Protein backbone atom coordinates (compact mmCIF):
# COMPACT_ATOMS: atom_id res chain seq x y z
CA MET A 1 117.08 92.54 76.41
CA ILE A 2 115.62 93.46 79.44
CA ASP A 3 118.43 94.91 81.94
CA THR A 4 116.69 97.13 84.39
CA GLN A 5 114.28 96.99 87.03
CA VAL A 6 112.17 99.90 85.48
CA GLU A 7 111.94 97.91 82.23
CA ALA A 8 111.13 94.85 83.99
CA GLU A 9 108.15 96.52 85.63
CA ARG A 10 107.13 98.38 82.70
CA LEU A 11 106.86 95.20 80.34
CA GLY A 12 105.64 92.76 83.39
CA PHE A 13 108.65 90.61 83.15
CA THR A 14 108.73 88.27 85.60
CA GLY A 15 112.08 86.45 85.03
CA SER A 16 114.48 84.58 82.59
CA PRO A 17 113.83 82.62 80.39
CA THR A 18 110.31 84.00 79.71
CA ILE A 19 108.59 82.43 76.52
CA LEU A 20 106.56 84.47 74.38
CA VAL A 21 103.89 83.54 71.80
CA ASN A 22 102.65 86.28 69.52
CA GLY A 23 104.10 88.82 72.24
CA ARG A 24 102.31 87.13 75.04
CA ASP A 25 103.61 84.97 77.80
CA PRO A 26 101.36 81.77 78.03
CA PHE A 27 102.87 80.99 81.38
CA ALA A 28 102.13 84.12 83.03
CA GLU A 29 100.88 83.83 86.66
CA SER A 30 98.78 86.27 88.14
CA GLY A 31 100.34 88.16 91.07
CA ARG A 32 103.97 87.72 90.19
CA THR A 33 106.30 90.55 90.86
CA PRO A 34 108.30 92.25 87.69
CA ARG A 35 111.71 91.66 88.50
CA LEU A 36 114.91 90.71 87.13
CA THR A 37 115.52 87.12 88.19
CA CYS A 38 115.80 83.36 87.22
CA ARG A 39 112.22 82.01 86.51
CA GLY A 40 110.95 78.73 87.51
CA TYR A 41 108.16 76.56 85.85
CA GLY A 42 106.01 74.11 87.56
CA THR A 43 106.07 70.82 85.85
CA PRO A 44 104.45 67.33 86.39
CA ASP A 45 107.81 66.37 88.07
CA GLY A 46 108.30 69.60 90.06
CA TRP A 47 109.98 72.72 89.50
CA ALA A 48 112.28 73.15 86.56
CA GLY A 49 113.95 76.18 84.70
CA VAL A 50 111.92 75.65 81.57
CA PRO A 51 108.36 74.03 80.80
CA THR A 52 108.09 70.66 79.38
CA VAL A 53 107.75 70.02 75.79
CA ASP A 54 104.20 68.81 76.32
CA GLN A 55 103.34 72.14 78.31
CA LEU A 56 104.90 74.20 75.46
CA ARG A 57 102.65 72.20 72.94
CA GLN A 58 99.48 72.83 75.11
CA ALA A 59 100.46 76.61 75.27
CA LEU A 60 100.86 76.74 71.49
CA ARG A 61 97.79 74.91 70.82
CA ALA A 62 95.83 77.33 73.25
CA VAL A 63 97.29 80.14 71.40
CA ALA A 64 96.14 78.78 68.07
CA GLU A 65 92.73 78.00 69.20
CA GLN A 66 92.03 81.42 70.94
CA LYS A 67 89.53 83.84 69.83
CA PRO A 68 90.88 87.32 69.09
CA GLY A 69 91.19 89.66 71.86
CA ARG A 70 90.82 86.86 74.60
CA ALA A 71 93.99 86.10 76.68
CA VAL A 72 95.27 82.43 77.30
CA THR A 73 97.54 81.28 79.85
CA ALA A 74 98.52 77.47 80.30
CA SER A 75 97.59 75.64 83.31
CA LEU A 76 100.80 75.33 85.64
CA PRO A 77 101.12 74.44 89.16
CA PRO A 78 102.49 77.62 91.29
CA VAL A 79 106.09 78.15 91.45
CA PRO A 80 107.81 79.60 94.67
CA GLU A 81 109.75 82.93 94.20
CA LEU A 82 113.46 82.70 93.89
CA ARG A 83 116.22 84.78 95.08
CA PRO A 84 119.12 85.59 92.98
CA ALA A 85 121.89 83.06 92.71
CA ASP A 86 124.26 82.41 95.82
CA ALA A 87 127.92 82.53 95.39
CA THR A 88 127.89 78.62 94.04
CA GLY A 89 125.49 79.61 91.46
CA ARG A 90 122.56 77.84 92.94
CA LEU A 91 119.13 79.40 93.15
CA ARG A 92 117.70 79.95 96.77
CA PRO A 93 114.05 79.61 97.33
CA ALA A 94 112.65 82.79 98.80
CA VAL A 95 111.14 80.93 101.74
CA SER A 96 113.73 79.17 103.82
CA SER A 97 113.39 75.57 104.61
CA GLY A 98 115.84 75.51 107.30
CA GLY A 99 118.46 74.00 105.20
CA ARG A 100 121.26 75.22 103.05
CA PRO A 101 120.46 76.10 99.27
CA GLY A 102 120.86 73.03 96.96
CA ARG A 103 120.34 70.55 99.63
């Protein structure tokens, strides 16, 4: 379990849930800041808390087909940075849309 910011930075942890395949994150996005936070995944239907089953299959297939020593990442749309949940438990986007969270 990663429970400190120092550990998140050391391990390159960019949020939960993180899915590892053979110790690597197939959904890694370059430039994401390591931190203790909720993680979102871009899906064909928009932002979600987890990738779709098809995206997981694609990532597993890519890992199975990769050559040793070559990093593989799945092609996913970018996901907005998220702030910790507010008092209601709703996640708040890092960039304000001008409305209340969750609306």
